[in-house]
N, C-alpha and C. Protein backbone atom coordinates (compact mmCIF):
# COMPACT_ATOMS: atom_id res chain seq x y z
N MET A 1 -0.23 -19.58 9.24
CA MET A 1 0.96 -19.13 8.62
C MET A 1 2.03 -17.93 8.79
N THR A 2 2.72 -16.87 8.69
CA THR A 2 3.61 -16.19 9.30
C THR A 2 3.74 -15.11 7.96
N PHE A 3 3.64 -13.93 8.16
CA PHE A 3 3.15 -13.02 6.73
C PHE A 3 4.87 -12.07 7.12
N GLU A 4 5.21 -11.27 5.76
CA GLU A 4 5.86 -10.59 6.14
C GLU A 4 5.44 -9.00 6.52
N ILE A 5 6.33 -8.74 8.09
CA ILE A 5 5.44 -7.52 7.75
C ILE A 5 6.75 -5.87 8.22
N ARG A 6 7.66 -5.51 7.44
CA ARG A 6 8.84 -4.79 7.57
C ARG A 6 8.60 -3.88 8.94
N ASP A 7 9.70 -4.14 9.81
CA ASP A 7 9.79 -2.95 10.51
C ASP A 7 10.05 -1.39 10.23
N ASP A 8 10.19 -0.99 9.32
CA ASP A 8 10.39 -0.13 8.95
C ASP A 8 9.22 0.90 8.18
N CYS A 9 8.32 0.32 8.32
CA CYS A 9 6.64 0.46 7.61
C CYS A 9 5.65 0.82 9.25
N ARG A 10 4.78 1.40 8.42
CA ARG A 10 3.19 1.59 9.66
C ARG A 10 1.89 0.78 8.64
N TYR A 11 1.26 0.81 9.18
CA TYR A 11 -0.45 -0.08 8.60
C TYR A 11 -1.45 0.67 9.06
N LEU A 12 -2.17 0.34 7.85
CA LEU A 12 -3.09 0.72 8.25
C LEU A 12 -4.30 -0.31 8.50
N VAL A 13 -5.37 -0.43 9.70
CA VAL A 13 -6.30 -1.30 10.13
C VAL A 13 -6.81 -1.87 8.21
N SER A 14 -6.73 -0.94 7.32
CA SER A 14 -7.05 -2.42 6.33
C SER A 14 -5.94 -2.58 5.26
N HIS A 15 -4.90 -2.90 5.76
CA HIS A 15 -3.64 -3.59 5.81
C HIS A 15 -2.82 -3.07 4.39
N GLU A 16 -2.92 -1.48 4.32
CA GLU A 16 -1.90 -0.84 3.28
C GLU A 16 -0.64 -0.57 4.36
N TRP A 17 0.11 -0.65 3.78
CA TRP A 17 1.77 0.06 4.52
C TRP A 17 1.82 1.03 3.42
N ALA A 18 2.87 2.04 4.09
CA ALA A 18 3.44 3.14 4.02
C ALA A 18 5.21 2.76 4.74
N CYS A 19 5.83 3.04 3.66
CA CYS A 19 7.31 3.47 3.90
C CYS A 19 8.15 4.67 3.86
N ARG A 20 9.15 5.12 4.59
CA ARG A 20 9.85 6.53 3.89
C ARG A 20 10.74 5.59 2.61
N HIS A 21 10.56 6.33 2.07
CA HIS A 21 11.84 5.96 0.52
C HIS A 21 12.08 7.33 0.07
N SER A 22 13.09 7.59 -0.10
CA SER A 22 13.80 9.13 -0.20
C SER A 22 13.03 10.00 -0.62
N GLY A 23 12.75 10.52 0.93
CA GLY A 23 12.21 12.15 0.43
C GLY A 23 10.04 12.32 0.86
N SER A 24 10.16 10.47 0.10
CA SER A 24 8.82 10.63 -0.16
C SER A 24 8.04 9.50 0.37
N VAL A 25 6.98 8.91 0.61
CA VAL A 25 6.57 7.93 1.62
C VAL A 25 5.99 6.99 0.50
N ARG A 26 6.42 5.72 0.26
CA ARG A 26 6.13 4.51 -0.17
C ARG A 26 4.93 3.66 0.08
N VAL A 27 3.76 3.83 -0.64
CA VAL A 27 2.65 3.00 -0.20
C VAL A 27 2.15 1.64 -0.93
N GLY A 28 2.06 0.58 -0.50
CA GLY A 28 1.30 -0.21 -0.95
C GLY A 28 0.44 -0.83 -0.39
N ILE A 29 0.07 -2.53 -0.61
CA ILE A 29 -0.74 -3.64 0.65
C ILE A 29 0.10 -4.09 0.27
N SER A 30 0.07 -5.03 2.42
CA SER A 30 0.69 -6.34 2.83
C SER A 30 0.99 -6.78 2.36
N ASP A 31 1.45 -8.14 2.62
CA ASP A 31 1.60 -9.29 2.67
C ASP A 31 0.44 -10.20 2.86
N PHE A 32 -0.03 -10.60 3.99
CA PHE A 32 -0.98 -10.17 3.85
C PHE A 32 -2.55 -10.21 3.37
N ALA A 33 -2.21 -9.00 2.85
CA ALA A 33 -3.83 -8.12 2.42
C ALA A 33 -3.66 -9.10 0.85
N GLN A 34 -2.25 -9.15 0.89
CA GLN A 34 -2.12 -10.27 -1.69
C GLN A 34 -2.46 -11.05 -0.70
N ASP A 35 -1.86 -11.74 0.15
CA ASP A 35 -2.52 -13.47 0.38
C ASP A 35 -4.30 -13.33 0.79
N GLU A 36 -4.96 -12.37 1.18
CA GLU A 36 -6.16 -12.35 1.60
C GLU A 36 -6.77 -12.60 -0.04
N LEU A 37 -6.14 -11.34 -0.81
CA LEU A 37 -7.21 -12.13 -2.49
C LEU A 37 -6.85 -12.60 -3.22
N GLY A 38 -5.49 -13.11 -2.60
CA GLY A 38 -5.35 -14.40 -3.86
C GLY A 38 -4.50 -13.88 -5.57
N ASP A 39 -4.17 -13.66 -6.85
CA ASP A 39 -3.29 -13.98 -7.50
C ASP A 39 -4.13 -12.64 -8.22
N VAL A 40 -3.42 -11.21 -7.67
CA VAL A 40 -3.64 -9.88 -8.71
C VAL A 40 -3.90 -10.03 -10.02
N VAL A 41 -4.70 -9.41 -10.38
CA VAL A 41 -4.84 -9.72 -12.54
C VAL A 41 -4.48 -8.16 -12.37
N PHE A 42 -5.18 -7.22 -12.02
CA PHE A 42 -5.48 -6.06 -12.27
C PHE A 42 -5.38 -4.98 -11.39
N VAL A 43 -4.53 -3.65 -11.37
CA VAL A 43 -4.79 -2.37 -10.37
C VAL A 43 -4.75 -1.60 -11.32
N GLU A 44 -5.71 -0.47 -10.32
CA GLU A 44 -5.93 0.66 -11.38
C GLU A 44 -5.47 1.77 -9.94
N LEU A 45 -4.15 2.71 -10.79
CA LEU A 45 -3.50 3.52 -9.90
C LEU A 45 -4.06 4.80 -9.96
N PRO A 46 -3.93 5.84 -8.70
CA PRO A 46 -4.12 7.52 -9.45
C PRO A 46 -2.86 8.16 -9.71
N SER A 47 -3.42 9.60 -11.08
CA SER A 47 -2.36 9.93 -11.61
C SER A 47 -2.11 10.68 -10.95
N GLU A 48 -0.21 10.75 -11.13
CA GLU A 48 0.44 11.51 -10.44
C GLU A 48 0.43 12.78 -10.13
N ASN A 49 0.38 13.36 -9.30
CA ASN A 49 0.05 15.30 -8.60
C ASN A 49 -1.61 14.79 -7.98
N ALA A 50 -2.33 13.56 -8.35
CA ALA A 50 -3.76 13.77 -7.80
C ALA A 50 -3.28 14.02 -6.25
N THR A 51 -3.79 14.76 -5.28
CA THR A 51 -4.16 14.71 -4.41
C THR A 51 -5.18 13.90 -3.50
N LEU A 52 -4.29 13.22 -2.50
CA LEU A 52 -4.71 11.97 -2.13
C LEU A 52 -5.48 12.67 -0.42
N ASP A 53 -6.39 12.49 0.57
CA ASP A 53 -6.59 12.85 1.71
C ASP A 53 -6.44 11.29 2.48
N ARG A 54 -5.99 10.84 3.77
CA ARG A 54 -5.83 10.11 4.75
C ARG A 54 -6.93 8.93 4.79
N LYS A 55 -6.80 8.04 4.39
CA LYS A 55 -7.79 6.80 4.40
C LYS A 55 -9.59 7.04 3.03
N SER A 56 -8.77 8.31 2.19
CA SER A 56 -9.62 8.22 0.97
C SER A 56 -8.69 6.94 -0.15
N ASP A 57 -10.15 6.76 -0.68
CA ASP A 57 -9.75 5.46 -1.63
C ASP A 57 -8.47 5.88 -3.01
N PHE A 58 -7.72 4.83 -3.22
CA PHE A 58 -7.38 5.93 -4.20
C PHE A 58 -6.72 4.44 -5.28
N GLY A 59 -7.60 3.70 -5.30
CA GLY A 59 -6.96 2.48 -6.50
C GLY A 59 -7.80 2.12 -6.25
N VAL A 60 -7.87 0.64 -6.99
CA VAL A 60 -8.08 -1.04 -6.91
C VAL A 60 -7.65 -1.68 -7.29
N VAL A 61 -7.85 -3.08 -6.73
CA VAL A 61 -7.75 -3.89 -6.68
C VAL A 61 -8.01 -5.09 -6.87
N GLU A 62 -8.23 -5.95 -7.98
CA GLU A 62 -8.61 -7.11 -8.70
C GLU A 62 -7.71 -8.14 -8.72
N SER A 63 -9.04 -9.18 -7.80
CA SER A 63 -7.81 -10.60 -8.26
C SER A 63 -9.33 -12.18 -8.02
N ILE A 64 -8.59 -12.28 -8.65
CA ILE A 64 -8.97 -13.82 -8.61
C ILE A 64 -10.21 -14.10 -7.84
N LYS A 65 -10.45 -13.68 -7.10
CA LYS A 65 -11.47 -13.48 -5.86
C LYS A 65 -12.27 -12.27 -5.41
N ALA A 66 -11.22 -11.16 -5.94
CA ALA A 66 -12.78 -10.03 -5.22
C ALA A 66 -12.16 -8.59 -5.93
N VAL A 67 -12.98 -7.75 -6.17
CA VAL A 67 -11.95 -6.59 -6.32
C VAL A 67 -11.82 -5.82 -4.84
N SER A 68 -10.83 -5.14 -4.70
CA SER A 68 -10.82 -4.31 -3.70
C SER A 68 -10.49 -3.36 -3.38
N ASP A 69 -11.22 -1.99 -3.13
CA ASP A 69 -10.56 -0.85 -3.33
C ASP A 69 -9.47 -0.80 -1.93
N ILE A 70 -8.14 0.04 -2.97
CA ILE A 70 -7.09 0.31 -1.53
C ILE A 70 -6.94 2.15 -0.96
N TYR A 71 -7.10 2.14 -0.32
CA TYR A 71 -6.88 2.86 1.02
C TYR A 71 -5.74 3.59 1.15
N ALA A 72 -5.27 5.09 0.93
CA ALA A 72 -3.84 6.11 1.89
C ALA A 72 -3.77 5.86 3.05
N PRO A 73 -3.00 5.38 3.55
CA PRO A 73 -2.49 5.48 4.77
C PRO A 73 -2.70 6.85 5.31
N VAL A 74 -1.72 7.51 4.56
CA VAL A 74 -1.91 9.04 5.19
C VAL A 74 -1.95 9.97 3.52
N SER A 75 -2.48 10.84 4.04
CA SER A 75 -2.63 12.42 3.01
C SER A 75 -1.44 12.72 2.67
N GLY A 76 -1.01 13.20 0.92
CA GLY A 76 -0.57 13.55 0.27
C GLY A 76 -0.40 13.34 -1.09
N THR A 77 0.29 13.73 -2.48
CA THR A 77 0.34 14.82 -3.25
C THR A 77 0.61 13.42 -4.31
N VAL A 78 0.63 12.57 -5.18
CA VAL A 78 1.35 11.46 -5.76
C VAL A 78 2.26 11.86 -6.57
N SER A 79 3.51 11.84 -5.75
CA SER A 79 4.32 11.55 -6.98
C SER A 79 4.61 10.54 -8.27
N ALA A 80 4.15 9.61 -7.37
CA ALA A 80 4.47 8.55 -9.03
C ALA A 80 3.86 7.32 -8.76
N THR A 81 3.60 6.64 -9.31
CA THR A 81 3.23 5.22 -9.79
C THR A 81 3.94 4.43 -9.96
N ASN A 82 3.87 2.77 -9.77
CA ASN A 82 4.45 2.14 -10.02
C ASN A 82 3.71 1.39 -11.48
N ASP A 83 3.48 2.08 -12.53
CA ASP A 83 3.65 1.92 -13.92
C ASP A 83 3.61 0.50 -13.97
N ALA A 84 4.73 -0.63 -14.07
CA ALA A 84 5.52 -2.20 -13.77
C ALA A 84 4.04 -2.81 -14.18
N LEU A 85 3.54 -1.79 -12.33
CA LEU A 85 1.36 -3.08 -12.23
C LEU A 85 0.61 -3.57 -13.10
N ILE A 86 1.06 -2.48 -14.39
CA ILE A 86 0.27 -2.20 -15.34
C ILE A 86 0.39 -3.93 -16.27
N ASP A 87 1.21 -4.06 -16.38
CA ASP A 87 1.18 -5.33 -17.43
C ASP A 87 1.67 -6.80 -16.64
N GLN A 88 2.29 -6.19 -14.83
CA GLN A 88 2.85 -7.10 -14.51
C GLN A 88 2.08 -7.27 -13.43
N PRO A 89 0.47 -7.07 -13.01
CA PRO A 89 0.26 -7.10 -11.68
C PRO A 89 0.43 -8.10 -10.39
N GLU A 90 0.50 -8.85 -11.20
CA GLU A 90 1.11 -10.36 -10.08
C GLU A 90 2.57 -9.86 -9.03
N LEU A 91 3.27 -9.27 -9.54
CA LEU A 91 4.30 -7.77 -8.42
C LEU A 91 3.74 -7.82 -7.58
N VAL A 92 2.34 -7.71 -7.23
CA VAL A 92 1.57 -7.58 -6.37
C VAL A 92 2.18 -8.88 -4.84
N ASN A 93 1.41 -9.76 -6.12
CA ASN A 93 2.03 -11.33 -4.75
C ASN A 93 2.64 -11.83 -4.24
N GLU A 94 4.05 -11.13 -5.50
CA GLU A 94 5.64 -11.53 -5.50
C GLU A 94 6.02 -11.16 -4.38
N ASP A 95 5.60 -9.83 -4.55
CA ASP A 95 7.25 -8.93 -4.14
C ASP A 95 6.58 -7.77 -3.61
N PRO A 96 5.20 -7.30 -2.35
CA PRO A 96 4.13 -6.76 -2.01
C PRO A 96 4.75 -5.41 -1.52
N TYR A 97 6.30 -5.73 -0.74
CA TYR A 97 6.80 -4.28 -0.11
C TYR A 97 8.12 -3.83 -1.00
N GLY A 98 8.70 -4.88 -2.45
CA GLY A 98 9.58 -3.94 -2.72
C GLY A 98 8.81 -3.85 -4.66
N ASP A 99 9.22 -5.08 -5.60
CA ASP A 99 8.73 -5.03 -6.92
C ASP A 99 6.91 -4.01 -6.96
N GLY A 100 6.01 -5.01 -6.21
CA GLY A 100 4.78 -4.63 -5.89
C GLY A 100 4.40 -3.36 -5.21
N TRP A 101 5.58 -2.79 -5.31
CA TRP A 101 4.73 -0.70 -4.93
C TRP A 101 3.10 -0.65 -5.27
N MET A 102 3.34 0.54 -5.13
CA MET A 102 1.55 0.87 -6.13
C MET A 102 1.85 2.49 -6.17
N ILE A 103 1.82 3.09 -5.03
CA ILE A 103 2.28 5.03 -4.99
C ILE A 103 3.72 4.99 -4.14
N GLU A 104 3.26 6.75 -4.45
CA GLU A 104 4.58 6.93 -3.64
C GLU A 104 3.79 8.55 -3.32
N LEU A 105 3.65 9.15 -1.77
CA LEU A 105 3.24 10.46 -1.77
C LEU A 105 4.18 11.36 -1.43
N GLU A 106 4.82 12.86 -1.47
CA GLU A 106 5.09 13.83 -1.51
C GLU A 106 3.91 14.75 -0.36
N ASP A 107 4.64 15.35 1.10
CA ASP A 107 4.00 16.20 1.74
C ASP A 107 3.42 15.29 2.63
N VAL A 108 4.08 14.29 2.99
CA VAL A 108 3.67 13.51 4.04
C VAL A 108 3.91 14.51 5.48
N THR A 109 2.92 14.47 6.46
CA THR A 109 3.13 14.92 7.37
C THR A 109 3.98 14.06 8.68
N ASP A 110 3.98 14.74 9.24
CA ASP A 110 5.23 13.73 10.69
C ASP A 110 3.89 12.79 11.06
N SER A 111 2.93 13.82 12.00
CA SER A 111 2.44 13.22 12.92
C SER A 111 1.34 11.92 12.05
N GLU A 112 0.82 12.51 10.69
CA GLU A 112 0.26 12.14 10.07
C GLU A 112 0.80 10.20 10.27
N PHE A 113 1.76 10.29 9.60
CA PHE A 113 2.64 9.16 8.98
C PHE A 113 2.57 8.05 10.64
N ASP A 114 2.98 9.38 11.70
CA ASP A 114 3.29 8.17 13.20
C ASP A 114 2.05 7.96 13.40
N SER A 115 0.91 8.45 13.61
CA SER A 115 -0.11 7.72 13.74
C SER A 115 -0.58 6.69 12.86
N LEU A 116 0.31 5.59 11.97
CA LEU A 116 -0.94 4.66 11.63
C LEU A 116 0.05 3.72 12.46
N LEU A 117 -0.50 2.39 12.44
CA LEU A 117 -0.06 0.88 13.37
C LEU A 117 1.33 1.02 13.31
N SER A 118 2.03 0.70 14.48
CA SER A 118 3.10 0.15 14.50
C SER A 118 3.31 -1.29 14.07
N PRO A 119 4.10 -1.69 13.38
CA PRO A 119 4.44 -3.01 12.77
C PRO A 119 3.79 -3.87 14.38
N ALA A 120 3.79 -3.90 15.47
CA ALA A 120 3.90 -4.73 16.32
C ALA A 120 2.73 -4.65 16.59
N GLN A 121 1.87 -3.46 16.61
CA GLN A 121 0.42 -3.07 16.54
C GLN A 121 -0.50 -4.46 15.28
N TYR A 122 0.59 -4.21 13.96
CA TYR A 122 -0.29 -3.85 12.86
C TYR A 122 -0.28 -5.65 13.06
N ARG A 123 1.23 -6.45 13.39
CA ARG A 123 1.09 -8.33 13.96
C ARG A 123 -0.05 -8.47 15.18
N GLU A 124 -0.29 -8.26 16.09
CA GLU A 124 -1.41 -8.12 16.46
C GLU A 124 -2.60 -8.18 15.89
N GLN A 125 -2.74 -7.08 15.48
CA GLN A 125 -4.43 -7.35 13.59
C GLN A 125 -3.97 -8.42 13.13
N ILE A 126 -3.76 -9.05 12.31
CA ILE A 126 -4.18 -9.52 12.35
C ILE A 126 -3.55 -11.14 12.20
N ARG A 127 -3.35 -11.66 14.07
CA ARG A 127 -3.11 -12.50 14.24
C ARG A 127 -4.28 -14.01 14.67
């Protein structure tokens, strides 16, 4: 099976993605991760203004198969959460890089962002 891997994003080994978005960094889980989880039925996200450290857990995704922690690919301050996921957690399955995004972070350093897996490295990991 072929999974979507966006070339404008960077990735964490644990399958979270980070993409620059209007001066902040938008975060979610990859197409591969949502497929492994199965149908997502619940998403728990942090509150706005929460400060996250790189690789710290910031939320939970519950599916029909499992409950999984979600990890911050980079450090930063939560500037937005995708509240649509409260009533429509299935958006994570339907559009993981679009309507299924989870949080936006501010104050992200370029060096931390650049240290994430490149799309090519992530493709190798899930191969």
